Amino acid sequence: VQLRASGGGLVQAGGSLRLACAASGRTFSALVMGWYRQAPGSQREWLASITSTSITSYTDSVKGRFTISRDNAKNTVYLQMNSLKPEDTAVYYCSARIGALNFWGQGTQVTVSS
């Protein structure tokens, strides 16, 4: 699976961004898709996942602010991020999982200024 993330950038606190991750190489609808982030000096953190049947789950720090969704016709998963905070600044990665196999995209930088 090849993953290409996009949509990162610089935004002021309280603003919004929508990240997208386009997948190729496997049947997208069968993939469990996820978003992670990694801030400088920190470990990679799981944010949200969406199953092949669009069941979603979130880590507590983003629940109510971030929304993960998928468009199987476009082989794309999205992360809508609202009410952004400076502590959301990180490189954001999308992931794809099928069975025991995990795949990662290249990451997109999100910077939230105060």
N, C-alpha and C. Protein backbone atom coordinates (compact mmCIF):
# COMPACT_ATOMS: atom_id res chain seq x y z
N VAL A 1 0.85 -1.19 0.00
CA VAL A 1 0.00 0.00 0.00
C VAL A 1 0.88 1.23 0.00
N GLN A 2 0.58 2.15 -0.90
CA GLN A 2 1.27 3.44 -0.92
C GLN A 2 0.31 4.49 -0.40
N LEU A 3 0.81 5.33 0.50
CA LEU A 3 -0.02 6.35 1.13
C LEU A 3 0.62 7.71 0.90
N ARG A 4 -0.18 8.69 0.55
CA ARG A 4 0.32 10.05 0.35
C ARG A 4 -0.58 11.01 1.10
N ALA A 5 -0.01 11.63 2.13
CA ALA A 5 -0.75 12.58 2.95
C ALA A 5 -0.56 14.00 2.44
N SER A 6 -1.59 14.80 2.61
CA SER A 6 -1.52 16.19 2.20
C SER A 6 -2.44 17.02 3.08
N GLY A 7 -2.33 18.34 2.96
CA GLY A 7 -3.25 19.22 3.66
C GLY A 7 -2.68 19.91 4.88
N GLY A 8 -1.45 19.59 5.24
CA GLY A 8 -0.86 20.26 6.39
C GLY A 8 -0.54 21.70 6.08
N GLY A 9 -0.16 22.43 7.10
CA GLY A 9 0.19 23.83 6.92
C GLY A 9 0.25 24.57 8.22
N LEU A 10 0.27 25.88 8.11
CA LEU A 10 0.32 26.76 9.27
C LEU A 10 -1.05 27.37 9.50
N VAL A 11 -1.53 27.29 10.73
CA VAL A 11 -2.85 27.82 11.05
C VAL A 11 -2.79 28.44 12.44
N GLN A 12 -3.63 29.43 12.66
CA GLN A 12 -3.69 30.05 13.99
C GLN A 12 -4.51 29.18 14.94
N ALA A 13 -4.24 29.32 16.21
CA ALA A 13 -5.01 28.61 17.22
C ALA A 13 -6.50 28.92 17.04
N GLY A 14 -7.30 27.88 17.17
CA GLY A 14 -8.74 28.00 16.96
C GLY A 14 -9.17 27.73 15.53
N GLY A 15 -8.21 27.63 14.63
CA GLY A 15 -8.51 27.40 13.23
C GLY A 15 -8.72 25.93 12.91
N SER A 16 -8.89 25.68 11.62
CA SER A 16 -9.17 24.32 11.14
C SER A 16 -8.27 23.96 9.97
N LEU A 17 -8.04 22.68 9.84
CA LEU A 17 -7.37 22.11 8.68
C LEU A 17 -8.01 20.77 8.36
N ARG A 18 -7.95 20.39 7.12
CA ARG A 18 -8.39 19.05 6.75
C ARG A 18 -7.23 18.35 6.06
N LEU A 19 -6.82 17.25 6.63
CA LEU A 19 -5.78 16.42 6.04
C LEU A 19 -6.43 15.35 5.18
N ALA A 20 -5.73 14.97 4.14
CA ALA A 20 -6.20 13.90 3.27
C ALA A 20 -5.06 12.91 3.07
N CYS A 21 -5.41 11.67 2.88
CA CYS A 21 -4.42 10.62 2.63
C CYS A 21 -4.97 9.72 1.53
N ALA A 22 -4.31 9.74 0.40
CA ALA A 22 -4.71 8.91 -0.72
C ALA A 22 -3.94 7.61 -0.70
N ALA A 23 -4.65 6.51 -0.90
CA ALA A 23 -4.04 5.17 -0.85
C ALA A 23 -4.11 4.50 -2.21
N SER A 24 -3.13 3.68 -2.48
CA SER A 24 -3.14 2.89 -3.70
C SER A 24 -2.44 1.56 -3.42
N GLY A 25 -2.71 0.60 -4.25
CA GLY A 25 -2.00 -0.67 -4.16
C GLY A 25 -2.77 -1.80 -3.53
N ARG A 26 -3.85 -1.49 -2.84
CA ARG A 26 -4.67 -2.54 -2.23
C ARG A 26 -6.12 -2.12 -2.35
N THR A 27 -7.00 -3.02 -2.09
CA THR A 27 -8.41 -2.67 -2.05
C THR A 27 -8.66 -1.77 -0.86
N PHE A 28 -8.87 -0.49 -1.14
CA PHE A 28 -8.94 0.50 -0.08
C PHE A 28 -10.05 0.18 0.91
N SER A 29 -11.17 -0.27 0.42
CA SER A 29 -12.32 -0.47 1.30
C SER A 29 -12.05 -1.52 2.38
N ALA A 30 -11.07 -2.36 2.18
CA ALA A 30 -10.75 -3.41 3.15
C ALA A 30 -9.78 -2.94 4.22
N LEU A 31 -9.21 -1.78 4.04
CA LEU A 31 -8.18 -1.28 4.94
C LEU A 31 -8.76 -0.59 6.17
N VAL A 32 -8.13 -0.81 7.30
CA VAL A 32 -8.38 0.01 8.48
C VAL A 32 -7.41 1.19 8.39
N MET A 33 -7.95 2.38 8.36
CA MET A 33 -7.14 3.57 8.17
C MET A 33 -7.01 4.33 9.48
N GLY A 34 -5.86 4.96 9.67
CA GLY A 34 -5.65 5.69 10.91
C GLY A 34 -4.80 6.93 10.69
N TRP A 35 -4.86 7.79 11.67
CA TRP A 35 -4.02 8.99 11.71
C TRP A 35 -3.22 8.98 13.01
N TYR A 36 -1.97 9.35 12.88
CA TYR A 36 -1.06 9.48 14.00
C TYR A 36 -0.35 10.83 13.89
N ARG A 37 0.32 11.22 14.95
CA ARG A 37 1.15 12.42 14.87
C ARG A 37 2.38 12.23 15.75
N GLN A 38 3.40 12.99 15.41
CA GLN A 38 4.63 12.96 16.19
C GLN A 38 5.18 14.36 16.30
N ALA A 39 5.24 14.82 17.53
CA ALA A 39 5.82 16.13 17.82
C ALA A 39 7.31 15.96 18.09
N PRO A 40 8.10 17.01 17.90
CA PRO A 40 9.54 16.91 18.16
C PRO A 40 9.82 16.42 19.58
N GLY A 41 10.67 15.41 19.68
CA GLY A 41 11.05 14.88 20.98
C GLY A 41 10.03 13.97 21.61
N SER A 42 8.96 13.66 20.87
CA SER A 42 7.90 12.81 21.42
C SER A 42 7.72 11.56 20.59
N GLN A 43 7.07 10.58 21.18
CA GLN A 43 6.77 9.37 20.44
C GLN A 43 5.58 9.60 19.52
N ARG A 44 5.48 8.76 18.53
CA ARG A 44 4.33 8.83 17.64
C ARG A 44 3.07 8.47 18.42
N GLU A 45 2.05 9.27 18.23
CA GLU A 45 0.80 9.15 18.99
C GLU A 45 -0.35 8.81 18.07
N TRP A 46 -1.11 7.80 18.44
CA TRP A 46 -2.31 7.46 17.68
C TRP A 46 -3.40 8.48 17.96
N LEU A 47 -4.10 8.92 16.91
CA LEU A 47 -5.16 9.90 17.04
C LEU A 47 -6.54 9.32 16.77
N ALA A 48 -6.68 8.62 15.66
CA ALA A 48 -8.00 8.18 15.24
C ALA A 48 -7.87 7.04 14.25
N SER A 49 -8.91 6.22 14.20
CA SER A 49 -8.97 5.12 13.24
C SER A 49 -10.37 5.00 12.69
N ILE A 50 -10.45 4.43 11.50
CA ILE A 50 -11.76 4.14 10.90
C ILE A 50 -11.66 2.79 10.23
N THR A 51 -12.61 1.93 10.53
CA THR A 51 -12.58 0.57 10.01
C THR A 51 -13.16 0.53 8.60
N SER A 52 -13.14 -0.66 8.04
CA SER A 52 -13.68 -0.85 6.70
C SER A 52 -15.19 -0.61 6.68
N THR A 53 -15.83 -0.70 7.83
CA THR A 53 -17.27 -0.43 7.91
C THR A 53 -17.55 0.93 8.53
N SER A 54 -16.50 1.80 8.53
CA SER A 54 -16.62 3.19 8.98
C SER A 54 -16.92 3.36 10.46
N ILE A 55 -16.52 2.40 11.24
CA ILE A 55 -16.57 2.57 12.69
C ILE A 55 -15.34 3.38 13.09
N THR A 56 -15.55 4.44 13.84
CA THR A 56 -14.45 5.34 14.19
C THR A 56 -14.11 5.26 15.66
N SER A 57 -12.87 5.60 15.97
CA SER A 57 -12.42 5.70 17.35
C SER A 57 -11.37 6.81 17.42
N TYR A 58 -11.27 7.43 18.62
CA TYR A 58 -10.40 8.59 18.79
C TYR A 58 -9.70 8.51 20.13
N THR A 59 -8.52 9.10 20.17
CA THR A 59 -7.88 9.31 21.45
C THR A 59 -8.56 10.48 22.14
N ASP A 60 -8.51 10.50 23.46
CA ASP A 60 -9.27 11.50 24.21
C ASP A 60 -8.88 12.93 23.87
N SER A 61 -7.62 13.18 23.58
CA SER A 61 -7.16 14.55 23.39
C SER A 61 -7.73 15.22 22.14
N VAL A 62 -8.25 14.43 21.21
CA VAL A 62 -8.80 15.01 19.99
C VAL A 62 -10.30 14.76 19.85
N LYS A 63 -10.86 13.99 20.74
CA LYS A 63 -12.29 13.66 20.66
C LYS A 63 -13.10 14.93 20.73
N GLY A 64 -14.04 15.08 19.79
CA GLY A 64 -14.87 16.27 19.75
C GLY A 64 -14.27 17.39 18.91
N ARG A 65 -13.00 17.31 18.59
CA ARG A 65 -12.35 18.34 17.75
C ARG A 65 -11.97 17.80 16.38
N PHE A 66 -11.54 16.55 16.33
CA PHE A 66 -11.10 15.94 15.08
C PHE A 66 -12.13 14.91 14.62
N THR A 67 -12.28 14.79 13.31
CA THR A 67 -13.18 13.81 12.73
C THR A 67 -12.47 13.07 11.61
N ILE A 68 -12.45 11.75 11.72
CA ILE A 68 -11.89 10.92 10.67
C ILE A 68 -13.02 10.42 9.79
N SER A 69 -12.76 10.38 8.50
CA SER A 69 -13.77 9.88 7.56
C SER A 69 -13.04 9.26 6.37
N ARG A 70 -13.80 8.53 5.58
CA ARG A 70 -13.20 7.89 4.41
C ARG A 70 -14.14 7.99 3.22
N ASP A 71 -13.55 8.04 2.04
CA ASP A 71 -14.30 8.01 0.80
C ASP A 71 -13.73 6.86 -0.01
N ASN A 72 -14.41 5.74 0.00
CA ASN A 72 -13.89 4.56 -0.67
C ASN A 72 -13.84 4.74 -2.19
N ALA A 73 -14.69 5.58 -2.73
CA ALA A 73 -14.67 5.82 -4.18
C ALA A 73 -13.42 6.59 -4.59
N LYS A 74 -12.85 7.37 -3.66
CA LYS A 74 -11.65 8.14 -3.95
C LYS A 74 -10.41 7.54 -3.30
N ASN A 75 -10.57 6.40 -2.64
CA ASN A 75 -9.43 5.75 -1.95
C ASN A 75 -8.72 6.73 -1.03
N THR A 76 -9.50 7.50 -0.30
CA THR A 76 -8.93 8.57 0.52
C THR A 76 -9.55 8.57 1.91
N VAL A 77 -8.69 8.83 2.89
CA VAL A 77 -9.14 9.03 4.26
C VAL A 77 -8.83 10.47 4.63
N TYR A 78 -9.70 11.05 5.44
CA TYR A 78 -9.57 12.45 5.81
C TYR A 78 -9.47 12.58 7.33
N LEU A 79 -8.87 13.68 7.75
CA LEU A 79 -8.90 14.07 9.15
C LEU A 79 -9.26 15.54 9.20
N GLN A 80 -10.49 15.81 9.59
CA GLN A 80 -10.93 17.19 9.78
C GLN A 80 -10.54 17.62 11.19
N MET A 81 -9.76 18.68 11.28
CA MET A 81 -9.26 19.14 12.57
C MET A 81 -9.79 20.53 12.84
N ASN A 82 -10.58 20.66 13.89
CA ASN A 82 -11.15 21.94 14.29
C ASN A 82 -10.61 22.35 15.65
N SER A 83 -10.80 23.62 15.97
CA SER A 83 -10.37 24.15 17.27
C SER A 83 -8.93 23.78 17.57
N LEU A 84 -8.08 24.00 16.60
CA LEU A 84 -6.69 23.59 16.75
C LEU A 84 -5.98 24.38 17.84
N LYS A 85 -5.06 23.71 18.51
CA LYS A 85 -4.31 24.29 19.62
C LYS A 85 -2.81 24.21 19.28
N PRO A 86 -2.02 25.07 19.88
CA PRO A 86 -0.57 24.99 19.63
C PRO A 86 0.01 23.61 19.91
N GLU A 87 -0.55 22.91 20.89
CA GLU A 87 -0.04 21.58 21.21
C GLU A 87 -0.41 20.52 20.16
N ASP A 88 -1.20 20.90 19.18
CA ASP A 88 -1.47 20.00 18.05
C ASP A 88 -0.36 20.04 17.00
N THR A 89 0.59 20.94 17.19
CA THR A 89 1.70 21.04 16.25
C THR A 89 2.49 19.74 16.22
N ALA A 90 2.64 19.17 15.02
CA ALA A 90 3.32 17.89 14.87
C ALA A 90 3.37 17.53 13.39
N VAL A 91 4.09 16.48 13.10
CA VAL A 91 3.99 15.85 11.79
C VAL A 91 2.89 14.80 11.88
N TYR A 92 1.96 14.86 10.97
CA TYR A 92 0.81 13.96 10.97
C TYR A 92 1.02 12.88 9.91
N TYR A 93 0.76 11.65 10.32
CA TYR A 93 0.96 10.49 9.45
C TYR A 93 -0.35 9.72 9.30
N CYS A 94 -0.59 9.24 8.11
CA CYS A 94 -1.69 8.30 7.94
C CYS A 94 -1.13 6.88 7.90
N SER A 95 -1.98 5.96 8.26
CA SER A 95 -1.58 4.57 8.28
C SER A 95 -2.69 3.72 7.68
N ALA A 96 -2.29 2.55 7.20
CA ALA A 96 -3.24 1.59 6.68
C ALA A 96 -2.89 0.23 7.26
N ARG A 97 -3.91 -0.48 7.65
CA ARG A 97 -3.67 -1.81 8.22
C ARG A 97 -4.62 -2.80 7.58
N ILE A 98 -4.05 -3.94 7.23
CA ILE A 98 -4.87 -5.08 6.78
C ILE A 98 -4.24 -6.33 7.36
N GLY A 99 -4.98 -7.02 8.18
CA GLY A 99 -4.43 -8.16 8.89
C GLY A 99 -3.30 -7.69 9.80
N ALA A 100 -2.16 -8.35 9.69
CA ALA A 100 -1.00 -8.01 10.51
C ALA A 100 -0.07 -7.02 9.82
N LEU A 101 -0.45 -6.55 8.66
CA LEU A 101 0.39 -5.65 7.89
C LEU A 101 0.02 -4.20 8.16
N ASN A 102 1.05 -3.37 8.41
CA ASN A 102 0.85 -1.94 8.61
C ASN A 102 1.67 -1.15 7.59
N PHE A 103 1.09 -0.10 7.08
CA PHE A 103 1.74 0.75 6.10
C PHE A 103 1.65 2.20 6.57
N TRP A 104 2.66 2.99 6.19
CA TRP A 104 2.72 4.39 6.63
C TRP A 104 2.92 5.32 5.45
N GLY A 105 2.32 6.49 5.57
CA GLY A 105 2.56 7.56 4.62
C GLY A 105 3.76 8.38 5.04
N GLN A 106 4.05 9.43 4.26
CA GLN A 106 5.29 10.19 4.46
C GLN A 106 5.15 11.30 5.49
N GLY A 107 3.97 11.62 5.92
CA GLY A 107 3.79 12.67 6.93
C GLY A 107 3.57 14.03 6.33
N THR A 108 2.78 14.83 7.02
CA THR A 108 2.54 16.22 6.61
C THR A 108 2.60 17.09 7.87
N GLN A 109 3.29 18.21 7.76
CA GLN A 109 3.52 19.07 8.92
C GLN A 109 2.30 19.95 9.20
N VAL A 110 1.89 19.96 10.44
CA VAL A 110 0.85 20.88 10.91
C VAL A 110 1.47 21.75 12.00
N THR A 111 1.38 23.04 11.81
CA THR A 111 1.89 23.99 12.79
C THR A 111 0.77 24.93 13.20
N VAL A 112 0.52 24.99 14.50
CA VAL A 112 -0.54 25.85 15.03
C VAL A 112 0.11 26.96 15.84
N SER A 113 -0.09 28.19 15.41
CA SER A 113 0.51 29.32 16.11
C SER A 113 -0.45 29.87 17.15
N SER A 114 0.12 30.40 18.22
CA SER A 114 -0.72 30.93 19.31
C SER A 114 -1.04 32.39 19.11
